[in-house]
Structure formats: C-alpha cells, structure tokens
Amino acid sequence: MFIILLNYIKSVEAVDAVIPAHLNYLEHYYQLDKFILSGRKRPRTGGVILCQAQDKDEVWAIIEEDPFYLKKVAAYEVLEFLPTKAATSLTPYLV
C-alpha cells in the first residue's frame, strides 16, 4: 500500500486548469482498483492518494500519467506502508 503526497508547485489557477484531466486520470485508476481514496489537503496546498500497487516502480509509472505531473503543477512523494489493522470495510487491504 502506498500514500502518494502531492504538493502544488504552481499557482492554484494553474492547478485548476488541469483539474478536469486530473479527475479523468483518477477515475481511470479507481476503475482499475489501484486507487482507494483521494482528496485535497487543507489548506489547499496539494492532495493525497491512497494507492494499491505491487511496488514503487508501479506507483511511479502511474504518477507519470497524472496530468498534474505532466503539466508540472505538482511535486510527488511516495510513502510505502503495510496496513495491519483496518475498519471492517477495508480489511481486504490488510497484509
């Protein structure tokens, strides 16, 4: 399991111009069961994606398709973690 942290490196206006394409990207990876949760940070300085992938190489391949990445409006950090406890609805993601 991976946490993808996005930090905006351009203005919110530049980010907003890419939002429609970014939402399509998110939907694509939700349909593939790669993304579990996503959303904006508060304050609005970036976002967070919870991702199910085999390894960091797969995560970075996914990130490299993100319009935010392609348009260089966000920088990324990837954290790997091994979930060992979860709410009942999330137990399929436990290791």
Protein backbone atom coordinates (compact mmCIF):
# COMPACT_ATOMS: atom_id res chain seq x y z
CA MET A 1 0.00 0.00 0.00
CA PHE A 2 1.27 3.46 -0.83
CA ILE A 3 0.44 7.02 0.11
CA ILE A 4 1.05 9.48 -2.70
CA LEU A 5 1.50 13.04 -1.44
CA LEU A 6 1.11 15.81 -3.99
CA ASN A 7 2.37 19.32 -3.29
CA TYR A 8 1.38 22.08 -5.68
CA ILE A 9 4.37 23.89 -7.14
CA LYS A 10 2.37 26.25 -9.33
CA SER A 11 -0.47 28.65 -8.60
CA VAL A 12 -3.93 27.36 -7.73
CA GLU A 13 -5.09 28.88 -11.03
CA ALA A 14 -2.58 26.70 -12.92
CA VAL A 15 -3.75 23.66 -10.92
CA ASP A 16 -7.42 24.44 -11.62
CA ALA A 17 -6.73 24.48 -15.36
CA VAL A 18 -5.62 20.84 -15.14
CA ILE A 19 -8.33 19.59 -12.73
CA PRO A 20 -10.68 18.10 -15.40
CA ALA A 21 -7.89 15.96 -16.88
CA HIS A 22 -6.68 15.01 -13.39
CA LEU A 23 -10.19 13.85 -12.43
CA ASN A 24 -10.31 11.62 -15.53
CA TYR A 25 -6.92 10.19 -14.54
CA LEU A 26 -8.17 9.47 -11.01
CA GLU A 27 -11.31 7.77 -12.33
CA HIS A 28 -9.23 5.57 -14.62
CA TYR A 29 -7.17 4.25 -11.70
CA TYR A 30 -10.24 3.85 -9.47
CA GLN A 31 -11.71 1.65 -12.21
CA LEU A 32 -8.52 -0.44 -12.18
CA ASP A 33 -8.78 -0.78 -8.35
CA LYS A 34 -5.43 0.93 -7.93
CA PHE A 35 -6.74 4.00 -6.07
CA ILE A 36 -8.63 3.54 -2.81
CA LEU A 37 -9.06 7.11 -1.55
CA SER A 38 -8.02 10.56 -2.73
CA GLY A 39 -8.62 14.18 -1.89
CA ARG A 40 -7.27 17.67 -1.35
CA LYS A 41 -5.13 18.77 1.53
CA ARG A 42 -6.45 21.51 3.78
CA PRO A 43 -5.22 24.16 3.34
CA ARG A 44 -5.26 23.60 -0.41
CA THR A 45 -1.56 23.00 -0.99
CA GLY A 46 -1.84 19.63 -2.72
CA GLY A 47 -3.52 16.27 -2.35
CA VAL A 48 -3.27 12.72 -1.09
CA ILE A 49 -3.93 9.42 -2.87
CA LEU A 50 -4.07 6.00 -1.22
CA CYS A 51 -2.81 3.54 -3.82
CA GLN A 52 -2.66 -0.26 -4.03
CA ALA A 53 0.30 -1.31 -6.19
CA GLN A 54 2.90 -4.06 -6.40
CA ASP A 55 5.89 -1.79 -5.80
CA LYS A 56 7.18 1.78 -6.02
CA ASP A 57 8.07 1.33 -9.68
CA GLU A 58 4.40 0.69 -10.47
CA VAL A 59 3.36 3.69 -8.37
CA TRP A 60 5.78 5.96 -10.23
CA ALA A 61 4.57 4.62 -13.58
CA ILE A 62 1.03 5.56 -12.51
CA ILE A 63 2.14 9.01 -11.29
CA GLU A 64 3.88 9.71 -14.59
CA GLU A 65 0.45 9.54 -16.29
CA ASP A 66 -1.08 12.17 -13.99
CA PRO A 67 -1.81 15.42 -15.84
CA PHE A 68 -0.56 17.26 -12.72
CA TYR A 69 2.79 15.52 -13.22
CA LEU A 70 2.82 16.05 -16.99
CA LYS A 71 1.99 19.76 -16.66
CA LYS A 72 4.47 20.13 -13.78
CA VAL A 73 1.94 21.68 -11.38
CA ALA A 74 2.70 19.25 -8.52
CA ALA A 75 5.66 17.52 -6.90
CA TYR A 76 5.22 14.00 -5.52
CA GLU A 77 6.33 11.99 -2.52
CA VAL A 78 5.58 8.26 -2.22
CA LEU A 79 5.37 6.53 1.15
CA GLU A 80 5.03 2.76 1.43
CA PHE A 81 3.28 1.23 4.42
CA LEU A 82 1.98 -2.17 5.44
CA PRO A 83 -1.55 -1.86 6.86
CA THR A 84 -2.12 -4.33 9.69
CA LYS A 85 -5.40 -3.03 11.17
CA ALA A 86 -8.41 -1.52 9.41
CA ALA A 87 -12.11 -0.75 9.62
CA THR A 88 -14.20 -3.76 8.60
CA SER A 89 -14.90 -2.33 5.16
CA LEU A 90 -11.17 -2.01 4.47
CA THR A 91 -9.95 -5.40 5.69
CA PRO A 92 -9.31 -6.65 2.11
CA TYR A 93 -6.33 -4.26 2.05
CA LEU A 94 -4.58 -5.72 5.11
CA VAL A 95 -1.29 -7.53 4.67
